[in-house]
C-alpha cells in the first residue's frame, strides 16, 4: 500500500481536492489514516448488507473509489446478486478494477463512470452503500440523488450511508474537529499536511449535521432510519425503504 504524501510538501497554491491519479494511488492508505475505525466500519457495512441482500437483486456502491467496499461485500454476501460500482473518477475505477482482478473477484459486476451530481440509475436494488460520498455531492443535488436511490430500491431494501458530519452546535463542532486532527497526527500526518488538505477540501467536501442527513432520508420517503456508528464528526446511518 503506497503511503499518502499528497500534501506533504509546502504548496504555493492549493487547488480544490480532486480524485486524481496521485490520490487514487494512495487512497487506501489515506482512508486507513484519515477515517476513524475504518476497518470496523467496513465490517459493520458488510454485516448489514449480508442481512439485506436478496437473490436476484443488485447491490450498489456509489462512490466505489478503489473497490474496498465492493470487494468486502462480494467476499461475504452469499446471495446471488450483481454488484455495481459508480464513481466519477476514471483513475479510481482503474484502481478498483485492478484490485478486483488481483483478488480474482468471482462475482458478476459492473463499474460505471458517472457524476452522481447528475443523478444515478438504480434499479432492482436490495442494498445501496455510500461511504463518504454524499458529502461530495453539491447540496442542491442531494435531495434528487437520495430520491433516485429510494425509487431504485426494492421494498425493505436499505441504504447504508457513512459521512463526515458537523457537530449539532459550534461548541461541539470545534471540539470534535480538534479531536479529529489529533487523530490524524497520531497517524503520522503533519500540521502542514492537515492544513493544506483542509484548504483543498474547503469548497469540495460540504458536510451536513447528522440530524440534517437523517431528516433528508426521512423526507425523501425512507420508512426507518437509525445511526449504527458515531465517532465525533463521523457517523454511519442505515435507512430502510
C-alpha atoms as a PDB file:
ATOM      1  CA  UNK A   1       0.000   0.000   0.000  1.00  0.00           C
ATOM      2  CA  UNK A   2       1.549   3.306  -1.111  1.00  0.00           C
ATOM      3  CA  UNK A   3       1.826   5.966   1.587  1.00  0.00           C
ATOM      4  CA  UNK A   4      -0.274   9.127   1.353  1.00  0.00           C
ATOM      5  CA  UNK A   5       2.107  12.073   0.939  1.00  0.00           C
ATOM      6  CA  UNK A   6      -0.093  14.158  -1.386  1.00  0.00           C
ATOM      7  CA  UNK A   7       0.070  17.230   0.870  1.00  0.00           C
ATOM      8  CA  UNK A   8       3.472  16.635   2.441  1.00  0.00           C
ATOM      9  CA  UNK A   9       5.363  19.422   0.630  1.00  0.00           C
ATOM     10  CA  UNK A  10       4.574  23.112   1.147  1.00  0.00           C
ATOM     11  CA  UNK A  11       2.388  24.268  -1.767  1.00  0.00           C
ATOM     12  CA  UNK A  12       2.396  27.838  -3.082  1.00  0.00           C
ATOM     13  CA  UNK A  13      -1.131  27.475  -4.400  1.00  0.00           C
ATOM     14  CA  UNK A  14      -3.691  24.917  -3.280  1.00  0.00           C
ATOM     15  CA  UNK A  15      -6.461  23.999  -5.695  1.00  0.00           C
ATOM     16  CA  UNK A  16      -9.658  22.113  -4.959  1.00  0.00           C
ATOM     17  CA  UNK A  17      -9.232  18.481  -3.934  1.00  0.00           C
ATOM     18  CA  UNK A  18      -9.765  16.030  -6.801  1.00  0.00           C
ATOM     19  CA  UNK A  19      -9.691  12.249  -7.028  1.00  0.00           C
ATOM     20  CA  UNK A  20      -6.735  12.345  -9.386  1.00  0.00           C
ATOM     21  CA  UNK A  21      -4.268   9.627 -10.350  1.00  0.00           C
ATOM     22  CA  UNK A  22      -1.979  10.745  -7.489  1.00  0.00           C
ATOM     23  CA  UNK A  23      -4.797  10.487  -4.972  1.00  0.00           C
ATOM     24  CA  UNK A  24      -6.036   7.150  -6.383  1.00  0.00           C
ATOM     25  CA  UNK A  25      -2.558   5.648  -5.997  1.00  0.00           C
ATOM     26  CA  UNK A  26      -2.502   6.327  -2.223  1.00  0.00           C
ATOM     27  CA  UNK A  27      -6.233   6.353  -1.465  1.00  0.00           C
ATOM     28  CA  UNK A  28      -6.304   3.124   0.538  1.00  0.00           C
ATOM     29  CA  UNK A  29      -3.635   4.472   2.898  1.00  0.00           C
ATOM     30  CA  UNK A  30      -5.473   7.799   3.068  1.00  0.00           C
ATOM     31  CA  UNK A  31      -8.679   6.066   4.190  1.00  0.00           C
ATOM     32  CA  UNK A  32      -6.907   3.952   6.805  1.00  0.00           C
ATOM     33  CA  UNK A  33      -5.192   7.003   8.322  1.00  0.00           C
ATOM     34  CA  UNK A  34      -7.990   9.576   7.893  1.00  0.00           C
ATOM     35  CA  UNK A  35     -11.173   7.643   8.712  1.00  0.00           C
ATOM     36  CA  UNK A  36     -11.527   6.579  12.360  1.00  0.00           C
ATOM     37  CA  UNK A  37     -12.199   2.863  12.832  1.00  0.00           C
ATOM     38  CA  UNK A  38     -12.300   2.372   9.071  1.00  0.00           C
ATOM     39  CA  UNK A  39     -11.947  -1.417   9.220  1.00  0.00           C
ATOM     40  CA  UNK A  40     -14.726  -1.692  11.801  1.00  0.00           C
ATOM     41  CA  UNK A  41     -16.989   0.491   9.637  1.00  0.00           C
ATOM     42  CA  UNK A  42     -16.302  -1.824   6.702  1.00  0.00           C
ATOM     43  CA  UNK A  43     -17.112  -4.859   8.858  1.00  0.00           C
ATOM     44  CA  UNK A  44     -20.399  -3.299  10.009  1.00  0.00           C
ATOM     45  CA  UNK A  45     -21.409  -2.389   6.447  1.00  0.00           C
ATOM     46  CA  UNK A  46     -20.808  -5.958   5.308  1.00  0.00           C
ATOM     47  CA  UNK A  47     -22.688  -7.368   8.300  1.00  0.00           C
ATOM     48  CA  UNK A  48     -25.798  -5.331   7.469  1.00  0.00           C
ATOM     49  CA  UNK A  49     -25.532  -5.847   3.708  1.00  0.00           C
ATOM     50  CA  UNK A  50     -25.458  -9.620   4.195  1.00  0.00           C
ATOM     51  CA  UNK A  51     -28.808  -9.444   6.006  1.00  0.00           C
ATOM     52  CA  UNK A  52     -30.473  -7.118   3.484  1.00  0.00           C
ATOM     53  CA  UNK A  53     -29.216  -8.650   0.226  1.00  0.00           C
ATOM     54  CA  UNK A  54     -31.730 -10.722  -1.724  1.00  0.00           C
ATOM     55  CA  UNK A  55     -31.224 -13.283  -4.502  1.00  0.00           C
ATOM     56  CA  UNK A  56     -31.745 -11.856  -7.987  1.00  0.00           C
ATOM     57  CA  UNK A  57     -31.224  -8.202  -6.982  1.00  0.00           C
ATOM     58  CA  UNK A  58     -28.480  -5.618  -7.417  1.00  0.00           C
ATOM     59  CA  UNK A  59     -26.067  -4.293  -4.776  1.00  0.00           C
ATOM     60  CA  UNK A  60     -24.705  -0.800  -5.496  1.00  0.00           C
ATOM     61  CA  UNK A  61     -21.706   1.049  -4.111  1.00  0.00           C
ATOM     62  CA  UNK A  62     -21.953   4.738  -5.005  1.00  0.00           C
ATOM     63  CA  UNK A  63     -18.541   6.373  -4.929  1.00  0.00           C
ATOM     64  CA  UNK A  64     -16.829   2.989  -5.008  1.00  0.00           C
ATOM     65  CA  UNK A  65     -13.306   4.518  -5.272  1.00  0.00           C
ATOM     66  CA  UNK A  66     -10.669   1.746  -5.226  1.00  0.00           C
ATOM     67  CA  UNK A  67     -13.200  -1.026  -4.608  1.00  0.00           C
ATOM     68  CA  UNK A  68     -12.554  -1.941  -0.969  1.00  0.00           C
ATOM     69  CA  UNK A  69     -16.266  -1.992  -0.092  1.00  0.00           C
ATOM     70  CA  UNK A  70     -17.215  -3.892  -3.259  1.00  0.00           C
ATOM     71  CA  UNK A  71     -14.526  -6.458  -2.556  1.00  0.00           C
ATOM     72  CA  UNK A  72     -15.629  -6.938   1.049  1.00  0.00           C
ATOM     73  CA  UNK A  73     -19.285  -7.213   0.048  1.00  0.00           C
ATOM     74  CA  UNK A  74     -18.512  -9.699  -2.719  1.00  0.00           C
ATOM     75  CA  UNK A  75     -16.455 -11.883  -0.417  1.00  0.00           C
ATOM     76  CA  UNK A  76     -19.192 -12.067   2.228  1.00  0.00           C
ATOM     77  CA  UNK A  77     -22.622 -11.804   0.601  1.00  0.00           C
ATOM     78  CA  UNK A  78     -23.824 -15.295  -0.261  1.00  0.00           C
ATOM     79  CA  UNK A  79     -26.977 -14.207  -2.084  1.00  0.00           C
ATOM     80  CA  UNK A  80     -26.921 -14.388  -5.890  1.00  0.00           C
ATOM     81  CA  UNK A  81     -26.669 -10.657  -6.608  1.00  0.00           C
ATOM     82  CA  UNK A  82     -24.971  -8.383  -9.134  1.00  0.00           C
ATOM     83  CA  UNK A  83     -22.538  -5.759  -7.843  1.00  0.00           C
ATOM     84  CA  UNK A  84     -22.495  -2.305  -9.426  1.00  0.00           C
ATOM     85  CA  UNK A  85     -19.936   0.368  -8.576  1.00  0.00           C
ATOM     86  CA  UNK A  86     -20.264   4.048  -9.529  1.00  0.00           C
ATOM     87  CA  UNK A  87     -17.504   6.635  -9.446  1.00  0.00           C
ATOM     88  CA  UNK A  88     -16.832   9.810 -11.447  1.00  0.00           C
ATOM     89  CA  UNK A  89     -13.046   9.313 -11.338  1.00  0.00           C
ATOM     90  CA  UNK A  90     -11.688   7.096 -14.105  1.00  0.00           C
ATOM     91  CA  UNK A  91      -8.444   6.805 -12.123  1.00  0.00           C
ATOM     92  CA  UNK A  92     -10.331   5.424  -9.117  1.00  0.00           C
ATOM     93  CA  UNK A  93     -12.255   2.954 -11.288  1.00  0.00           C
ATOM     94  CA  UNK A  94      -8.996   1.747 -12.844  1.00  0.00           C
ATOM     95  CA  UNK A  95      -7.635   1.043  -9.341  1.00  0.00           C
ATOM     96  CA  UNK A  96     -10.938  -0.617  -8.433  1.00  0.00           C
ATOM     97  CA  UNK A  97     -10.797  -2.988 -11.417  1.00  0.00           C
ATOM     98  CA  UNK A  98      -7.149  -3.742 -10.680  1.00  0.00           C
ATOM     99  CA  UNK A  99      -7.993  -4.617  -7.062  1.00  0.00           C
ATOM    100  CA  UNK A 100     -10.920  -6.840  -8.036  1.00  0.00           C
ATOM    101  CA  UNK A 101      -8.778  -8.608 -10.645  1.00  0.00           C
ATOM    102  CA  UNK A 102      -5.918  -9.122  -8.174  1.00  0.00           C
ATOM    103  CA  UNK A 103      -8.327 -10.784  -5.752  1.00  0.00           C
ATOM    104  CA  UNK A 104      -9.904 -12.794  -8.590  1.00  0.00           C
ATOM    105  CA  UNK A 105     -13.315 -11.331  -7.762  1.00  0.00           C
ATOM    106  CA  UNK A 106     -15.667 -14.151  -8.777  1.00  0.00           C
ATOM    107  CA  UNK A 107     -18.933 -12.214  -8.781  1.00  0.00           C
ATOM    108  CA  UNK A 108     -20.928 -10.596 -11.580  1.00  0.00           C
ATOM    109  CA  UNK A 109     -20.184  -6.863 -11.521  1.00  0.00           C
ATOM    110  CA  UNK A 110     -20.221  -3.594 -13.482  1.00  0.00           C
ATOM    111  CA  UNK A 111     -18.170  -0.453 -12.914  1.00  0.00           C
ATOM    112  CA  UNK A 112     -19.756   2.767 -14.193  1.00  0.00           C
ATOM    113  CA  UNK A 113     -18.051   6.136 -14.603  1.00  0.00           C
ATOM    114  CA  UNK A 114     -20.647   8.817 -13.852  1.00  0.00           C
ATOM    115  CA  UNK A 115     -21.107  12.041 -11.907  1.00  0.00           C
ATOM    116  CA  UNK A 116     -23.638  11.449  -9.132  1.00  0.00           C
ATOM    117  CA  UNK A 117     -24.481  15.168  -9.217  1.00  0.00           C
ATOM    118  CA  UNK A 118     -26.294  14.365 -12.456  1.00  0.00           C
ATOM    119  CA  UNK A 119     -28.336  11.636 -10.818  1.00  0.00           C
ATOM    120  CA  UNK A 120     -27.936   7.871 -10.874  1.00  0.00           C
ATOM    121  CA  UNK A 121     -29.849   4.956 -12.368  1.00  0.00           C
ATOM    122  CA  UNK A 122     -30.719   2.490  -9.618  1.00  0.00           C
ATOM    123  CA  UNK A 123     -32.967  -0.484 -10.245  1.00  0.00           C
ATOM    124  CA  UNK A 124     -33.916  -3.729  -8.502  1.00  0.00           C
ATOM    125  CA  UNK A 125     -31.629  -2.893  -5.585  1.00  0.00           C
ATOM    126  CA  UNK A 126     -31.642  -4.619  -2.209  1.00  0.00           C
ATOM    127  CA  UNK A 127     -28.583  -2.744  -0.875  1.00  0.00           C
ATOM    128  CA  UNK A 128     -27.013   0.627  -1.719  1.00  0.00           C
ATOM    129  CA  UNK A 129     -23.877   1.804   0.075  1.00  0.00           C
ATOM    130  CA  UNK A 130     -22.420   5.315   0.095  1.00  0.00           C
ATOM    131  CA  UNK A 131     -19.192   5.515   2.054  1.00  0.00           C
ATOM    132  CA  UNK A 132     -18.025   9.141   2.453  1.00  0.00           C
ATOM    133  CA  UNK A 133     -19.668  10.055  -0.856  1.00  0.00           C
ATOM    134  CA  UNK A 134     -22.766  12.165  -0.201  1.00  0.00           C
ATOM    135  CA  UNK A 135     -20.595  14.872   1.399  1.00  0.00           C
ATOM    136  CA  UNK A 136     -19.002  15.497  -2.020  1.00  0.00           C
ATOM    137  CA  UNK A 137     -22.369  15.908  -3.789  1.00  0.00           C
ATOM    138  CA  UNK A 138     -23.475  19.506  -4.214  1.00  0.00           C
ATOM    139  CA  UNK A 139     -26.112  20.251  -1.532  1.00  0.00           C
ATOM    140  CA  UNK A 140     -28.699  21.313  -4.131  1.00  0.00           C
ATOM    141  CA  UNK A 141     -28.388  17.879  -5.770  1.00  0.00           C
ATOM    142  CA  UNK A 142     -28.596  15.696  -2.668  1.00  0.00           C
ATOM    143  CA  UNK A 143     -32.389  15.517  -2.478  1.00  0.00           C
ATOM    144  CA  UNK A 144     -32.549  14.318  -6.091  1.00  0.00           C
ATOM    145  CA  UNK A 145     -29.847  11.689  -5.528  1.00  0.00           C
ATOM    146  CA  UNK A 146     -31.452  10.284  -2.367  1.00  0.00           C
ATOM    147  CA  UNK A 147     -34.813  10.252  -4.168  1.00  0.00           C
ATOM    148  CA  UNK A 148     -33.293   8.308  -7.077  1.00  0.00           C
ATOM    149  CA  UNK A 149     -31.826   5.777  -4.674  1.00  0.00           C
ATOM    150  CA  UNK A 150     -35.143   5.338  -2.854  1.00  0.00           C
ATOM    151  CA  UNK A 151     -37.053   4.749  -6.092  1.00  0.00           C
ATOM    152  CA  UNK A 152     -34.497   2.171  -7.244  1.00  0.00           C
ATOM    153  CA  UNK A 153     -34.573   0.194  -4.003  1.00  0.00           C
ATOM    154  CA  UNK A 154     -36.963  -2.706  -3.614  1.00  0.00           C
ATOM    155  CA  UNK A 155     -39.309  -2.773  -0.641  1.00  0.00           C
ATOM    156  CA  UNK A 156     -37.312  -3.411   2.545  1.00  0.00           C
ATOM    157  CA  UNK A 157     -34.075  -2.571   0.738  1.00  0.00           C
ATOM    158  CA  UNK A 158     -31.536  -0.465   2.586  1.00  0.00           C
ATOM    159  CA  UNK A 159     -29.226   2.487   2.071  1.00  0.00           C
ATOM    160  CA  UNK A 160     -26.064   2.393   4.192  1.00  0.00           C
ATOM    161  CA  UNK A 161     -24.571   5.858   4.469  1.00  0.00           C
ATOM    162  CA  UNK A 162     -21.290   6.895   6.122  1.00  0.00           C
ATOM    163  CA  UNK A 163     -20.495  10.604   6.326  1.00  0.00           C
ATOM    164  CA  UNK A 164     -18.279  13.185   7.898  1.00  0.00           C
ATOM    165  CA  UNK A 165     -20.671  15.475   9.791  1.00  0.00           C
ATOM    166  CA  UNK A 166     -20.833  18.820  11.534  1.00  0.00           C
ATOM    167  CA  UNK A 167     -21.481  18.984  15.263  1.00  0.00           C
ATOM    168  CA  UNK A 168     -25.019  19.989  16.196  1.00  0.00           C
ATOM    169  CA  UNK A 169     -23.675  23.297  17.530  1.00  0.00           C
ATOM    170  CA  UNK A 170     -20.454  25.283  17.102  1.00  0.00           C
ATOM    171  CA  UNK A 171     -19.103  24.340  20.550  1.00  0.00           C
ATOM    172  CA  UNK A 172     -19.070  20.615  19.844  1.00  0.00           C
ATOM    173  CA  UNK A 173     -18.106  21.170  16.222  1.00  0.00           C
ATOM    174  CA  UNK A 174     -14.851  22.886  17.228  1.00  0.00           C
ATOM    175  CA  UNK A 175     -14.163  20.230  19.854  1.00  0.00           C
ATOM    176  CA  UNK A 176     -14.777  17.300  17.506  1.00  0.00           C
ATOM    177  CA  UNK A 177     -12.614  18.821  14.765  1.00  0.00           C
ATOM    178  CA  UNK A 178      -9.777  19.204  17.285  1.00  0.00           C
ATOM    179  CA  UNK A 179     -10.102  15.543  18.272  1.00  0.00           C
ATOM    180  CA  UNK A 180     -10.139  14.553  14.601  1.00  0.00           C
ATOM    181  CA  UNK A 181      -6.951  16.469  13.824  1.00  0.00           C
ATOM    182  CA  UNK A 182      -5.320  14.886  16.887  1.00  0.00           C
ATOM    183  CA  UNK A 183      -6.313  11.507  15.424  1.00  0.00           C
ATOM    184  CA  UNK A 184      -4.651  12.377  12.107  1.00  0.00           C
ATOM    185  CA  UNK A 185      -1.478  13.490  13.899  1.00  0.00           C
ATOM    186  CA  UNK A 186      -1.362  10.163  15.729  1.00  0.00           C
ATOM    187  CA  UNK A 187      -1.489   8.503  12.324  1.00  0.00           C
ATOM    188  CA  UNK A 188       1.575  10.373  11.108  1.00  0.00           C
ATOM    189  CA  UNK A 189       0.186  13.460   9.363  1.00  0.00           C
ATOM    190  CA  UNK A 190       1.985  16.754   9.983  1.00  0.00           C
ATOM    191  CA  UNK A 191       0.349  20.094  10.806  1.00  0.00           C
ATOM    192  CA  UNK A 192       1.220  21.221   7.256  1.00  0.00           C
ATOM    193  CA  UNK A 193      -0.426  18.190   5.638  1.00  0.00           C
ATOM    194  CA  UNK A 194      -3.567  18.627   7.734  1.00  0.00           C
ATOM    195  CA  UNK A 195      -3.816  22.356   6.987  1.00  0.00           C
ATOM    196  CA  UNK A 196      -3.218  22.006   3.244  1.00  0.00           C
ATOM    197  CA  UNK A 197      -5.707  19.172   2.840  1.00  0.00           C
ATOM    198  CA  UNK A 198      -8.282  21.110   4.852  1.00  0.00           C
ATOM    199  CA  UNK A 199      -7.876  24.067   2.463  1.00  0.00           C
ATOM    200  CA  UNK A 200      -8.127  21.803  -0.602  1.00  0.00           C
ATOM    201  CA  UNK A 201     -11.358  20.250   0.705  1.00  0.00           C
ATOM    202  CA  UNK A 202     -12.960  23.506   1.838  1.00  0.00           C
ATOM    203  CA  UNK A 203     -15.120  24.062  -1.264  1.00  0.00           C
ATOM    204  CA  UNK A 204     -15.446  20.399  -2.196  1.00  0.00           C
ATOM    205  CA  UNK A 205     -16.451  18.473   0.938  1.00  0.00           C
ATOM    206  CA  UNK A 206     -19.566  20.098   2.408  1.00  0.00           C
ATOM    207  CA  UNK A 207     -20.815  18.145   5.429  1.00  0.00           C
ATOM    208  CA  UNK A 208     -24.295  18.271   6.920  1.00  0.00           C
ATOM    209  CA  UNK A 209     -25.166  17.806  10.557  1.00  0.00           C
ATOM    210  CA  UNK A 210     -26.097  14.240  11.484  1.00  0.00           C
ATOM    211  CA  UNK A 211     -29.725  15.210  12.058  1.00  0.00           C
ATOM    212  CA  UNK A 212     -29.827  17.024   8.699  1.00  0.00           C
ATOM    213  CA  UNK A 213     -28.777  13.805   6.956  1.00  0.00           C
ATOM    214  CA  UNK A 214     -31.401  11.866   8.886  1.00  0.00           C
ATOM    215  CA  UNK A 215     -34.102  14.415   8.007  1.00  0.00           C
ATOM    216  CA  UNK A 216     -33.114  14.245   4.328  1.00  0.00           C
ATOM    217  CA  UNK A 217     -33.555  10.472   4.266  1.00  0.00           C
ATOM    218  CA  UNK A 218     -36.939  10.578   6.018  1.00  0.00           C
ATOM    219  CA  UNK A 219     -38.165  13.491   3.905  1.00  0.00           C
ATOM    220  CA  UNK A 220     -37.424  11.598   0.706  1.00  0.00           C
ATOM    221  CA  UNK A 221     -39.526   8.679   1.933  1.00  0.00           C
ATOM    222  CA  UNK A 222     -37.412   6.131   3.809  1.00  0.00           C
ATOM    223  CA  UNK A 223     -39.556   4.389   6.444  1.00  0.00           C
ATOM    224  CA  UNK A 224     -36.870   3.694   9.029  1.00  0.00           C
ATOM    225  CA  UNK A 225     -33.584   5.384   9.770  1.00  0.00           C
ATOM    226  CA  UNK A 226     -31.091   4.761  12.553  1.00  0.00           C
ATOM    227  CA  UNK A 227     -27.490   5.532  13.477  1.00  0.00           C
ATOM    228  CA  UNK A 228     -25.208   2.497  13.544  1.00  0.00           C
ATOM    229  CA  UNK A 229     -21.880   4.292  14.042  1.00  0.00           C
ATOM    230  CA  UNK A 230     -20.712   7.560  15.599  1.00  0.00           C
ATOM    231  CA  UNK A 231     -17.183   8.834  16.259  1.00  0.00           C
ATOM    232  CA  UNK A 232     -17.066  12.575  16.960  1.00  0.00           C
ATOM    233  CA  UNK A 233     -17.554  14.093  13.470  1.00  0.00           C
ATOM    234  CA  UNK A 234     -18.104  10.801  11.596  1.00  0.00           C
ATOM    235  CA  UNK A 235     -21.333   8.853  11.508  1.00  0.00           C
ATOM    236  CA  UNK A 236     -22.975   5.864   9.883  1.00  0.00           C
ATOM    237  CA  UNK A 237     -26.707   5.759   9.125  1.00  0.00           C
ATOM    238  CA  UNK A 238     -28.829   2.927   7.794  1.00  0.00           C
ATOM    239  CA  UNK A 239     -32.203   3.658   6.195  1.00  0.00           C
ATOM    240  CA  UNK A 240     -34.840   1.172   5.004  1.00  0.00           C
ATOM    241  CA  UNK A 241     -37.456   1.668   2.278  1.00  0.00           C
END
